[in-house]
């Protein structure tokens, strides 16, 4: 194996894009959505062919009415919903999830907060990471109208046209609320060395248990000897 391939492959392990096992969390099941489905890609994205039987969609009010005689299930739903005012969420069957920002946190530095462009395509190099630096990602998002079940983050990374990583992280099940949710990924360390430096392209998606896609964003980022000026 050449040194170049070893360096690129090592980048996948150290950059925080390594696949994580999904945590086994109970979720409210819903029928598959016919809208806003992620399109399959030709760049080698892995598509899971898993058939899951999901129950019928219903509003939050209906969710609370269902199985109301089951005390344990009722308490679990109340805990999940927290302080949600049922009268404010309406009668929508579909949750609305909006990814607001991606932040890069590195010890000893100010957070780099990246706003999500409406078209999902940041212009130019979206951010730069310093080689050999510790960092973590933070997602900021809002949930409205209904519960989103099994929200997942997937990410694919390429370097010089070669796919170097394919990752997936379960974020969880979230109830609608006015406050913004944040989710912190585990801290990682960027690779270092000549072959790790350069430009990378990536595609990130946020999908739920119904395979409904709330954001698909394609961007480029760099790994350099130092942070970009101004960051």
Protein backbone atom coordinates (compact mmCIF):
# COMPACT_ATOMS: atom_id res chain seq x y z
CA UNK A 1 0.00 0.00 0.00
CA UNK A 2 1.37 3.40 -0.95
CA UNK A 3 2.06 6.10 1.60
CA UNK A 4 -0.49 8.36 -0.09
CA UNK A 5 -3.31 5.85 0.32
CA UNK A 6 -2.34 5.21 3.93
CA UNK A 7 -2.43 8.92 4.74
CA UNK A 8 -5.82 9.45 3.11
CA UNK A 9 -7.28 6.37 4.76
CA UNK A 10 -5.98 7.46 8.15
CA UNK A 11 -7.75 10.77 7.69
CA UNK A 12 -11.10 9.00 7.76
CA UNK A 13 -10.46 7.57 11.21
CA UNK A 14 -9.19 10.74 12.84
CA UNK A 15 -11.47 13.41 11.43
CA UNK A 16 -14.61 12.55 13.38
CA UNK A 17 -16.44 11.10 10.40
CA UNK A 18 -16.07 7.47 11.50
CA UNK A 19 -19.36 5.56 11.62
CA UNK A 20 -20.92 5.22 15.06
CA UNK A 21 -23.33 2.53 16.17
CA UNK A 22 -26.88 3.77 16.57
CA UNK A 23 -28.03 4.00 20.14
CA UNK A 24 -31.07 1.87 20.86
CA UNK A 25 -33.68 4.45 21.75
CA UNK A 26 -37.41 3.84 21.71
CA UNK A 27 -39.20 6.06 19.21
CA UNK A 28 -42.75 6.81 18.15
CA UNK A 29 -43.30 5.04 14.85
CA UNK A 30 -44.88 6.74 11.86
CA UNK A 31 -45.68 5.83 8.30
CA UNK A 32 -43.17 6.63 5.58
CA UNK A 33 -43.28 10.12 4.14
CA UNK A 34 -43.73 10.53 0.39
CA UNK A 35 -42.24 14.01 0.33
CA UNK A 36 -38.71 15.41 0.66
CA UNK A 37 -37.02 12.03 0.30
CA UNK A 38 -33.24 12.08 -0.17
CA UNK A 39 -32.21 11.27 -3.70
CA UNK A 40 -29.80 8.36 -4.10
CA UNK A 41 -26.31 9.39 -5.19
CA UNK A 42 -23.97 7.91 -7.78
CA UNK A 43 -20.84 8.74 -5.82
CA UNK A 44 -21.00 5.51 -3.82
CA UNK A 45 -23.38 6.45 -1.03
CA UNK A 46 -24.58 3.37 0.75
CA UNK A 47 -28.35 3.01 0.59
CA UNK A 48 -29.89 0.88 3.29
CA UNK A 49 -32.54 -1.48 1.94
CA UNK A 50 -34.38 -2.12 5.17
CA UNK A 51 -38.13 -2.68 5.23
CA UNK A 52 -39.68 -1.42 8.44
CA UNK A 53 -43.36 -1.61 9.25
CA UNK A 54 -44.38 1.78 10.59
CA UNK A 55 -47.66 2.72 12.18
CA UNK A 56 -50.04 5.36 10.81
CA UNK A 57 -49.21 9.04 11.05
CA UNK A 58 -51.12 11.09 13.58
CA UNK A 59 -51.02 14.47 15.25
CA UNK A 60 -49.50 15.10 18.68
CA UNK A 61 -52.97 15.29 20.21
CA UNK A 62 -53.78 11.89 18.76
CA UNK A 63 -50.47 10.51 20.01
CA UNK A 64 -51.39 11.46 23.57
CA UNK A 65 -54.86 9.98 23.23
CA UNK A 66 -53.50 6.65 21.99
CA UNK A 67 -52.78 4.10 24.70
CA UNK A 68 -53.79 6.62 27.38
CA UNK A 69 -54.79 3.75 29.64
CA UNK A 70 -51.22 2.41 29.57
CA UNK A 71 -49.65 4.36 32.44
CA UNK A 72 -46.02 3.56 31.61
CA UNK A 73 -46.44 4.52 27.95
CA UNK A 74 -48.35 7.67 28.90
CA UNK A 75 -45.55 8.75 31.26
CA UNK A 76 -42.93 8.05 28.57
CA UNK A 77 -44.80 10.24 26.08
CA UNK A 78 -45.17 13.02 28.63
CA UNK A 79 -41.46 12.86 29.39
CA UNK A 80 -40.65 13.00 25.68
CA UNK A 81 -42.94 15.97 25.08
CA UNK A 82 -41.75 17.86 28.16
CA UNK A 83 -43.37 21.30 28.36
CA UNK A 84 -44.87 21.25 24.86
CA UNK A 85 -48.12 23.19 24.64
CA UNK A 86 -50.32 20.92 22.55
CA UNK A 87 -52.55 23.84 21.60
CA UNK A 88 -49.60 25.59 19.92
CA UNK A 89 -48.43 22.76 17.67
CA UNK A 90 -51.56 22.54 15.51
CA UNK A 91 -52.82 19.47 13.71
CA UNK A 92 -49.87 18.79 11.43
CA UNK A 93 -48.95 15.17 10.71
CA UNK A 94 -45.46 16.07 9.52
CA UNK A 95 -42.68 17.42 11.75
CA UNK A 96 -40.70 20.40 10.53
CA UNK A 97 -36.97 20.23 11.23
CA UNK A 98 -34.71 23.15 10.32
CA UNK A 99 -30.94 22.82 10.67
CA UNK A 100 -29.82 26.31 11.66
CA UNK A 101 -26.05 26.12 11.92
CA UNK A 102 -22.94 23.98 12.16
CA UNK A 103 -20.31 25.05 14.69
CA UNK A 104 -16.70 23.92 14.97
CA UNK A 105 -15.42 23.89 18.56
CA UNK A 106 -11.69 23.71 19.28
CA UNK A 107 -10.04 24.21 22.70
CA UNK A 108 -8.51 27.64 23.14
CA UNK A 109 -10.26 29.13 20.12
CA UNK A 110 -13.51 30.95 19.50
CA UNK A 111 -16.25 28.77 18.02
CA UNK A 112 -16.57 28.89 14.24
CA UNK A 113 -20.31 29.20 13.57
CA UNK A 114 -21.32 28.38 9.99
CA UNK A 115 -24.79 29.41 8.86
CA UNK A 116 -26.57 26.96 6.56
CA UNK A 117 -27.24 28.51 3.11
CA UNK A 118 -30.80 28.12 1.84
CA UNK A 119 -29.69 26.27 -1.29
CA UNK A 120 -27.54 23.83 0.69
CA UNK A 121 -24.40 24.78 -1.25
CA UNK A 122 -21.90 26.99 0.59
CA UNK A 123 -19.76 29.06 -1.76
CA UNK A 124 -16.06 28.28 -1.92
CA UNK A 125 -14.23 26.58 0.95
CA UNK A 126 -16.68 26.46 3.84
CA UNK A 127 -14.12 26.11 6.62
CA UNK A 128 -10.50 25.20 7.35
CA UNK A 129 -9.19 22.84 10.02
CA UNK A 130 -5.67 22.97 11.38
CA UNK A 131 -3.78 19.70 11.12
CA UNK A 132 -3.27 17.88 14.39
CA UNK A 133 -5.88 19.99 16.21
CA UNK A 134 -8.63 18.80 18.53
CA UNK A 135 -12.14 19.77 17.48
CA UNK A 136 -15.80 18.76 17.65
CA UNK A 137 -18.94 19.57 15.68
CA UNK A 138 -22.10 21.09 17.11
CA UNK A 139 -25.43 21.11 15.28
CA UNK A 140 -28.15 23.67 16.05
CA UNK A 141 -31.69 22.87 14.89
CA UNK A 142 -35.38 23.50 15.52
CA UNK A 143 -38.29 21.05 15.60
CA UNK A 144 -41.89 22.20 15.01
CA UNK A 145 -45.42 20.78 14.58
CA UNK A 146 -44.79 17.12 15.52
CA UNK A 147 -42.29 14.66 16.92
CA UNK A 148 -39.34 13.77 14.67
CA UNK A 149 -38.43 10.15 15.20
CA UNK A 150 -34.90 8.81 14.77
CA UNK A 151 -33.17 11.90 13.39
CA UNK A 152 -29.86 10.83 11.85
CA UNK A 153 -26.74 12.60 10.57
CA UNK A 154 -24.92 11.04 7.61
CA UNK A 155 -21.72 12.29 6.05
CA UNK A 156 -19.58 11.28 3.08
CA UNK A 157 -16.11 12.69 2.41
CA UNK A 158 -13.92 12.62 -0.71
CA UNK A 159 -10.31 13.66 -1.34
CA UNK A 160 -9.05 14.04 -4.92
CA UNK A 161 -12.14 12.17 -6.13
CA UNK A 162 -11.58 9.17 -3.83
CA UNK A 163 -14.11 8.44 -1.12
CA UNK A 164 -12.31 8.39 2.24
CA UNK A 165 -15.23 8.13 4.65
CA UNK A 166 -18.89 7.17 4.99
CA UNK A 167 -20.35 7.91 8.43
CA UNK A 168 -23.70 7.87 10.23
CA UNK A 169 -24.72 9.12 13.68
CA UNK A 170 -28.08 8.73 15.41
CA UNK A 171 -29.06 12.04 17.01
CA UNK A 172 -32.32 10.86 18.59
CA UNK A 173 -36.06 11.54 18.78
CA UNK A 174 -37.14 15.13 19.46
CA UNK A 175 -40.44 16.79 20.34
CA UNK A 176 -41.47 20.18 18.94
CA UNK A 177 -40.51 23.18 21.03
CA UNK A 178 -39.78 26.89 20.66
CA UNK A 179 -36.24 26.54 22.01
CA UNK A 180 -33.39 25.51 19.74
CA UNK A 181 -31.83 22.06 20.12
CA UNK A 182 -28.07 21.55 20.05
CA UNK A 183 -26.19 18.30 19.54
CA UNK A 184 -22.45 17.91 20.16
CA UNK A 185 -20.42 15.26 18.34
CA UNK A 186 -17.52 13.55 20.16
CA UNK A 187 -14.21 15.40 20.09
CA UNK A 188 -11.72 14.24 17.45
CA UNK A 189 -8.25 15.20 16.21
CA UNK A 190 -7.49 16.16 12.63
CA UNK A 191 -4.74 14.17 10.92
CA UNK A 192 -1.38 15.77 10.24
CA UNK A 193 1.30 15.45 7.64
CA UNK A 194 1.84 16.33 4.01
CA UNK A 195 -0.62 13.82 2.57
CA UNK A 196 -3.41 14.75 4.99
CA UNK A 197 -3.35 18.40 3.97
CA UNK A 198 -5.41 19.70 1.10
CA UNK A 199 -8.99 20.15 -0.03
CA UNK A 200 -11.85 17.76 0.75
CA UNK A 201 -15.41 17.61 -0.55
CA UNK A 202 -18.29 16.39 1.58
CA UNK A 203 -22.02 15.74 1.50
CA UNK A 204 -24.07 15.83 4.69
CA UNK A 205 -27.68 14.78 5.17
CA UNK A 206 -30.16 14.84 8.04
CA UNK A 207 -32.92 12.22 7.71
CA UNK A 208 -35.47 10.60 10.01
CA UNK A 209 -36.87 7.09 10.45
CA UNK A 210 -39.19 7.65 7.47
CA UNK A 211 -36.17 8.54 5.32
CA UNK A 212 -37.49 12.07 5.05
CA UNK A 213 -34.59 14.40 4.31
CA UNK A 214 -34.54 17.76 6.13
CA UNK A 215 -31.21 18.97 4.79
CA UNK A 216 -28.78 17.87 2.12
CA UNK A 217 -25.68 20.04 1.91
CA UNK A 218 -22.60 19.73 -0.31
CA UNK A 219 -19.46 21.65 0.57
CA UNK A 220 -15.66 21.72 0.54
CA UNK A 221 -13.25 22.20 3.43
CA UNK A 222 -9.47 22.29 3.87
CA UNK A 223 -6.95 20.82 6.25
CA UNK A 224 -3.93 23.15 6.46
CA UNK A 225 -0.87 23.81 8.58
CA UNK A 226 -2.80 26.49 10.47
CA UNK A 227 -6.29 27.86 10.90
CA UNK A 228 -7.54 30.23 8.23
CA UNK A 229 -6.95 33.90 9.00
CA UNK A 230 -9.92 35.43 10.77
CA UNK A 231 -11.12 32.10 12.21
